[in-house]
Amino acid sequence: MSTPMPSSYYCNLIVTLLPDIRRFVLQSFMRYKRYPQDADVEDMSQQIVVLLIEDDYRRLRTFDDQRSSLKTWLWVVVIREVVRHLRSQRVMISLEELLSDSVICEADQDKRVLSGERSQRLRATIPKLSEREQQLFRLCLCEELCASDIAKQMGMTVGSVPVRKNAVIKKLKMLLEINPLQSGVVR
């Protein structure tokens, strides 16, 4: 496919590959022990199709039949996109866990605890971190940068980024347990 093909060729190719894209998406999720709903598989499949056709089929035009088969190439594209998606979900889940694990309420008090109060507690606790820990927190969890970008900005190795990030999250959990802003919070 080194010579440019007409758009109709790419449209027909996408329609032909759609069942494979769906199957690859499901297999990719299952590879990482995630069992998505049919709607989630369909959403991710459509996201992959958009990825393939955006910018005048730019991604599809990168396929080189001399290097691999079309299905092998498509598998790599799908798995990379699914991994990117799972990583973005993991960051969001980690923040939610951080906020929810730090608050255990009395019997009917849980209905009064709002997410705004939790985020207020978190914002009040962040200044208790060192400057470097605050920077790491901001880069990892707020700006959602990848480990290599964070390592470059902070002058550390790529492997130490997740270790330090987990240490910061653990420290925040500990600080939130020790210093609750609300009365009536029981730990």
C-alpha atoms as a PDB file:
ATOM      1  CA  MET A   1       0.000   0.000   0.000  1.00  0.00           C
ATOM      2  CA  SER A   2       2.861   2.379  -0.550  1.00  0.00           C
ATOM      3  CA  THR A   3       1.057   4.153  -3.392  1.00  0.00           C
ATOM      4  CA  PRO A   4      -1.877   6.340  -2.322  1.00  0.00           C
ATOM      5  CA  MET A   5      -5.253   4.686  -2.726  1.00  0.00           C
ATOM      6  CA  PRO A   6      -8.561   6.461  -3.314  1.00  0.00           C
ATOM      7  CA  SER A   7     -10.764   7.188  -0.302  1.00  0.00           C
ATOM      8  CA  SER A   8     -13.372   4.681  -1.470  1.00  0.00           C
ATOM      9  CA  TYR A   9     -10.758   1.933  -1.161  1.00  0.00           C
ATOM     10  CA  TYR A  10     -10.128   2.860   2.489  1.00  0.00           C
ATOM     11  CA  CYS A  11     -13.860   3.071   3.230  1.00  0.00           C
ATOM     12  CA  ASN A  12     -14.415  -0.422   1.842  1.00  0.00           C
ATOM     13  CA  LEU A  13     -11.385  -1.681   3.742  1.00  0.00           C
ATOM     14  CA  ILE A  14     -12.744  -0.299   7.036  1.00  0.00           C
ATOM     15  CA  VAL A  15     -16.134  -1.927   6.445  1.00  0.00           C
ATOM     16  CA  THR A  16     -14.384  -5.223   5.711  1.00  0.00           C
ATOM     17  CA  LEU A  17     -12.153  -4.952   8.791  1.00  0.00           C
ATOM     18  CA  LEU A  18     -14.851  -3.857  11.256  1.00  0.00           C
ATOM     19  CA  PRO A  19     -15.622  -7.401  12.530  1.00  0.00           C
ATOM     20  CA  ASP A  20     -11.892  -7.980  13.059  1.00  0.00           C
ATOM     21  CA  ILE A  21     -11.570  -4.651  14.873  1.00  0.00           C
ATOM     22  CA  ARG A  22     -14.398  -5.619  17.244  1.00  0.00           C
ATOM     23  CA  ARG A  23     -12.858  -9.049  17.858  1.00  0.00           C
ATOM     24  CA  PHE A  24      -9.408  -7.546  18.448  1.00  0.00           C
ATOM     25  CA  VAL A  25     -10.841  -4.977  20.876  1.00  0.00           C
ATOM     26  CA  LEU A  26     -12.562  -7.695  22.900  1.00  0.00           C
ATOM     27  CA  GLN A  27      -9.424  -9.859  22.899  1.00  0.00           C
ATOM     28  CA  SER A  28      -7.296  -6.893  23.937  1.00  0.00           C
ATOM     29  CA  PHE A  29      -9.538  -6.122  26.898  1.00  0.00           C
ATOM     30  CA  MET A  30      -9.590  -9.769  27.922  1.00  0.00           C
ATOM     31  CA  ARG A  31      -5.802  -9.959  27.619  1.00  0.00           C
ATOM     32  CA  TYR A  32      -5.661  -7.454  30.492  1.00  0.00           C
ATOM     33  CA  LYS A  33      -8.377  -9.268  32.440  1.00  0.00           C
ATOM     34  CA  ARG A  34     -11.066  -6.720  31.648  1.00  0.00           C
ATOM     35  CA  TYR A  35     -14.472  -8.006  30.587  1.00  0.00           C
ATOM     36  CA  PRO A  36     -16.263  -5.100  28.924  1.00  0.00           C
ATOM     37  CA  GLN A  37     -19.925  -4.754  28.076  1.00  0.00           C
ATOM     38  CA  ASP A  38     -20.906  -5.019  24.399  1.00  0.00           C
ATOM     39  CA  ALA A  39     -21.475  -1.259  24.326  1.00  0.00           C
ATOM     40  CA  ASP A  40     -17.917  -0.641  25.568  1.00  0.00           C
ATOM     41  CA  VAL A  41     -16.499  -2.906  22.846  1.00  0.00           C
ATOM     42  CA  GLU A  42     -18.577  -1.065  20.256  1.00  0.00           C
ATOM     43  CA  ASP A  43     -17.450   2.348  21.561  1.00  0.00           C
ATOM     44  CA  MET A  44     -13.786   1.358  21.490  1.00  0.00           C
ATOM     45  CA  SER A  45     -14.194  -0.165  18.012  1.00  0.00           C
ATOM     46  CA  GLN A  46     -15.679   3.066  16.737  1.00  0.00           C
ATOM     47  CA  GLN A  47     -12.875   5.006  18.395  1.00  0.00           C
ATOM     48  CA  ILE A  48     -10.351   2.827  16.519  1.00  0.00           C
ATOM     49  CA  VAL A  49     -12.184   3.387  13.231  1.00  0.00           C
ATOM     50  CA  VAL A  50     -12.044   7.142  13.815  1.00  0.00           C
ATOM     51  CA  LEU A  51      -8.360   6.820  14.610  1.00  0.00           C
ATOM     52  CA  LEU A  52      -7.801   4.989  11.322  1.00  0.00           C
ATOM     53  CA  ILE A  53      -9.723   7.449   9.149  1.00  0.00           C
ATOM     54  CA  GLU A  54      -8.839  10.785  10.745  1.00  0.00           C
ATOM     55  CA  ASP A  55      -6.589  13.164   8.814  1.00  0.00           C
ATOM     56  CA  ASP A  56      -7.575  11.698   5.453  1.00  0.00           C
ATOM     57  CA  TYR A  57      -6.821   8.086   6.430  1.00  0.00           C
ATOM     58  CA  ARG A  58      -3.352   9.015   7.679  1.00  0.00           C
ATOM     59  CA  ARG A  59      -3.045   5.989   9.985  1.00  0.00           C
ATOM     60  CA  LEU A  60      -4.233   3.559   7.336  1.00  0.00           C
ATOM     61  CA  ARG A  61      -1.759   4.996   4.881  1.00  0.00           C
ATOM     62  CA  THR A  62       1.095   4.042   7.226  1.00  0.00           C
ATOM     63  CA  PHE A  63       0.394   0.339   6.700  1.00  0.00           C
ATOM     64  CA  ASP A  64       3.229  -1.334   4.794  1.00  0.00           C
ATOM     65  CA  ASP A  65       2.395  -4.798   3.437  1.00  0.00           C
ATOM     66  CA  GLN A  66       6.129  -5.542   3.164  1.00  0.00           C
ATOM     67  CA  ARG A  67       6.524  -5.406   6.959  1.00  0.00           C
ATOM     68  CA  SER A  68       3.431  -7.323   8.168  1.00  0.00           C
ATOM     69  CA  SER A  69       0.011  -8.566   7.246  1.00  0.00           C
ATOM     70  CA  LEU A  70      -2.905  -6.160   7.519  1.00  0.00           C
ATOM     71  CA  LYS A  71      -4.455  -8.066  10.429  1.00  0.00           C
ATOM     72  CA  THR A  72      -1.173  -8.130  12.358  1.00  0.00           C
ATOM     73  CA  TRP A  73      -0.785  -4.387  11.834  1.00  0.00           C
ATOM     74  CA  LEU A  74      -4.405  -3.827  12.874  1.00  0.00           C
ATOM     75  CA  TRP A  75      -3.902  -5.950  16.020  1.00  0.00           C
ATOM     76  CA  VAL A  76      -0.972  -3.733  17.046  1.00  0.00           C
ATOM     77  CA  VAL A  77      -3.007  -0.559  16.454  1.00  0.00           C
ATOM     78  CA  VAL A  78      -5.945  -1.929  18.461  1.00  0.00           C
ATOM     79  CA  ILE A  79      -3.879  -3.187  21.388  1.00  0.00           C
ATOM     80  CA  ARG A  80      -2.002   0.109  21.669  1.00  0.00           C
ATOM     81  CA  GLU A  81      -5.255   2.045  21.745  1.00  0.00           C
ATOM     82  CA  VAL A  82      -6.825  -0.307  24.306  1.00  0.00           C
ATOM     83  CA  VAL A  83      -3.731  -0.061  26.534  1.00  0.00           C
ATOM     84  CA  ARG A  84      -3.839   3.739  26.266  1.00  0.00           C
ATOM     85  CA  HIS A  85      -7.514   3.645  27.227  1.00  0.00           C
ATOM     86  CA  LEU A  86      -6.915   1.311  30.192  1.00  0.00           C
ATOM     87  CA  ARG A  87      -4.062   3.470  31.455  1.00  0.00           C
ATOM     88  CA  SER A  88      -6.237   6.562  31.376  1.00  0.00           C
ATOM     89  CA  GLN A  89      -8.953   4.675  33.272  1.00  0.00           C
ATOM     90  CA  ARG A  90      -6.448   3.441  35.857  1.00  0.00           C
ATOM     91  CA  VAL A  91      -5.454   7.000  36.747  1.00  0.00           C
ATOM     92  CA  MET A  92      -9.067   8.010  37.181  1.00  0.00           C
ATOM     93  CA  ILE A  93      -9.816   4.975  39.306  1.00  0.00           C
ATOM     94  CA  SER A  94      -6.781   5.607  41.490  1.00  0.00           C
ATOM     95  CA  LEU A  95      -7.948   9.135  42.276  1.00  0.00           C
ATOM     96  CA  GLU A  96     -11.462   7.951  43.060  1.00  0.00           C
ATOM     97  CA  GLU A  97     -10.095   5.219  45.304  1.00  0.00           C
ATOM     98  CA  LEU A  98      -7.914   7.767  47.028  1.00  0.00           C
ATOM     99  CA  LEU A  99     -10.913   9.958  47.757  1.00  0.00           C
ATOM    100  CA  SER A 100     -13.340   7.201  48.693  1.00  0.00           C
ATOM    101  CA  ASP A 101     -10.952   5.128  50.827  1.00  0.00           C
ATOM    102  CA  SER A 102     -10.151   8.081  53.022  1.00  0.00           C
ATOM    103  CA  VAL A 103     -13.719   8.659  54.204  1.00  0.00           C
ATOM    104  CA  ILE A 104     -15.667   6.119  56.225  1.00  0.00           C
ATOM    105  CA  CYS A 105     -18.801   7.612  57.720  1.00  0.00           C
ATOM    106  CA  GLU A 106     -21.253   6.762  60.435  1.00  0.00           C
ATOM    107  CA  ALA A 107     -24.481   4.977  59.560  1.00  0.00           C
ATOM    108  CA  ASP A 108     -26.620   7.596  57.779  1.00  0.00           C
ATOM    109  CA  GLN A 109     -23.888  10.193  57.463  1.00  0.00           C
ATOM    110  CA  ASP A 110     -22.648   8.737  54.148  1.00  0.00           C
ATOM    111  CA  LYS A 111     -25.506  10.440  52.317  1.00  0.00           C
ATOM    112  CA  ARG A 112     -24.281  13.820  53.531  1.00  0.00           C
ATOM    113  CA  VAL A 113     -20.701  13.385  52.352  1.00  0.00           C
ATOM    114  CA  LEU A 114     -20.455  14.895  48.906  1.00  0.00           C
ATOM    115  CA  SER A 115     -17.669  14.539  46.400  1.00  0.00           C
ATOM    116  CA  GLY A 116     -17.003  18.264  46.744  1.00  0.00           C
ATOM    117  CA  GLU A 117     -16.131  17.754  50.394  1.00  0.00           C
ATOM    118  CA  ARG A 118     -13.744  14.939  49.492  1.00  0.00           C
ATOM    119  CA  SER A 119     -11.966  16.997  46.884  1.00  0.00           C
ATOM    120  CA  GLN A 120     -11.810  19.898  49.366  1.00  0.00           C
ATOM    121  CA  ARG A 121     -10.114  17.560  51.867  1.00  0.00           C
ATOM    122  CA  LEU A 122      -7.698  16.424  49.186  1.00  0.00           C
ATOM    123  CA  ARG A 123      -6.883  20.009  48.178  1.00  0.00           C
ATOM    124  CA  ALA A 124      -6.267  20.903  51.809  1.00  0.00           C
ATOM    125  CA  THR A 125      -3.931  17.920  52.237  1.00  0.00           C
ATOM    126  CA  ILE A 126      -1.801  18.383  49.094  1.00  0.00           C
ATOM    127  CA  PRO A 127       0.152  21.377  50.521  1.00  0.00           C
ATOM    128  CA  LYS A 128       1.407  19.061  53.269  1.00  0.00           C
ATOM    129  CA  LEU A 129       3.418  17.177  50.637  1.00  0.00           C
ATOM    130  CA  SER A 130       6.944  18.255  49.763  1.00  0.00           C
ATOM    131  CA  GLU A 131       7.395  20.485  46.696  1.00  0.00           C
ATOM    132  CA  ARG A 132       8.716  17.527  44.689  1.00  0.00           C
ATOM    133  CA  GLU A 133       5.802  15.299  45.751  1.00  0.00           C
ATOM    134  CA  GLN A 134       3.324  18.024  44.789  1.00  0.00           C
ATOM    135  CA  GLN A 135       4.971  18.344  41.377  1.00  0.00           C
ATOM    136  CA  LEU A 136       4.823  14.565  40.852  1.00  0.00           C
ATOM    137  CA  PHE A 137       1.167  14.494  41.940  1.00  0.00           C
ATOM    138  CA  ARG A 138       0.301  17.290  39.519  1.00  0.00           C
ATOM    139  CA  LEU A 139       2.151  15.712  36.566  1.00  0.00           C
ATOM    140  CA  CYS A 140       0.885  12.151  37.139  1.00  0.00           C
ATOM    141  CA  LEU A 141      -2.654  12.623  38.286  1.00  0.00           C
ATOM    142  CA  CYS A 142      -3.737  16.055  37.098  1.00  0.00           C
ATOM    143  CA  GLU A 143      -1.908  16.492  33.803  1.00  0.00           C
ATOM    144  CA  GLU A 144      -1.836  12.704  33.155  1.00  0.00           C
ATOM    145  CA  LEU A 145       1.608  12.776  31.549  1.00  0.00           C
ATOM    146  CA  CYS A 146       3.318   9.506  30.678  1.00  0.00           C
ATOM    147  CA  ALA A 147       6.171   8.217  32.821  1.00  0.00           C
ATOM    148  CA  SER A 148       8.879   9.160  30.298  1.00  0.00           C
ATOM    149  CA  ASP A 149       7.705  12.797  30.139  1.00  0.00           C
ATOM    150  CA  ILE A 150       7.521  13.009  33.926  1.00  0.00           C
ATOM    151  CA  ALA A 151      10.981  11.463  34.247  1.00  0.00           C
ATOM    152  CA  LYS A 152      12.434  14.060  31.874  1.00  0.00           C
ATOM    153  CA  GLN A 153      10.781  16.975  33.658  1.00  0.00           C
ATOM    154  CA  MET A 154      11.731  15.806  37.139  1.00  0.00           C
ATOM    155  CA  GLY A 155      15.178  14.383  36.353  1.00  0.00           C
ATOM    156  CA  MET A 156      14.504  10.798  37.438  1.00  0.00           C
ATOM    157  CA  THR A 157      14.439   7.400  35.770  1.00  0.00           C
ATOM    158  CA  VAL A 158      11.300   6.199  34.027  1.00  0.00           C
ATOM    159  CA  GLY A 159      11.108   3.180  36.337  1.00  0.00           C
ATOM    160  CA  SER A 160      11.081   5.296  39.474  1.00  0.00           C
ATOM    161  CA  VAL A 161       8.051   7.359  38.394  1.00  0.00           C
ATOM    162  CA  PRO A 162       5.343   4.772  39.252  1.00  0.00           C
ATOM    163  CA  VAL A 163       7.133   3.835  42.477  1.00  0.00           C
ATOM    164  CA  ARG A 164       7.241   7.445  43.638  1.00  0.00           C
ATOM    165  CA  LYS A 165       3.675   8.076  42.431  1.00  0.00           C
ATOM    166  CA  ASN A 166       2.410   5.178  44.555  1.00  0.00           C
ATOM    167  CA  ALA A 167       4.389   6.483  47.516  1.00  0.00           C
ATOM    168  CA  VAL A 168       2.752   9.913  47.121  1.00  0.00           C
ATOM    169  CA  ILE A 169      -0.722   8.355  46.926  1.00  0.00           C
ATOM    170  CA  LYS A 170       0.009   6.251  50.019  1.00  0.00           C
ATOM    171  CA  LYS A 171       1.243   9.346  51.870  1.00  0.00           C
ATOM    172  CA  LEU A 172      -1.892  11.281  50.875  1.00  0.00           C
ATOM    173  CA  LYS A 173      -4.088   8.458  52.141  1.00  0.00           C
ATOM    174  CA  MET A 174      -2.202   8.461  55.425  1.00  0.00           C
ATOM    175  CA  LEU A 175      -2.477  12.247  55.769  1.00  0.00           C
ATOM    176  CA  LEU A 176      -6.194  12.135  54.986  1.00  0.00           C
ATOM    177  CA  GLU A 177      -6.700   9.479  57.671  1.00  0.00           C
ATOM    178  CA  ILE A 178      -4.755  11.429  60.297  1.00  0.00           C
ATOM    179  CA  ASN A 179      -6.189  14.858  59.545  1.00  0.00           C
ATOM    180  CA  PRO A 180      -9.885  14.654  58.629  1.00  0.00           C
ATOM    181  CA  LEU A 181     -11.438  18.079  58.140  1.00  0.00           C
ATOM    182  CA  GLN A 182     -14.927  16.903  58.938  1.00  0.00           C
ATOM    183  CA  SER A 183     -16.163  16.050  62.380  1.00  0.00           C
ATOM    184  CA  GLY A 184     -17.950  12.736  62.518  1.00  0.00           C
ATOM    185  CA  VAL A 185     -15.506  10.985  60.222  1.00  0.00           C
ATOM    186  CA  VAL A 186     -14.519   7.716  61.797  1.00  0.00           C
ATOM    187  CA  ARG A 187     -11.491   5.678  60.747  1.00  0.00           C
END
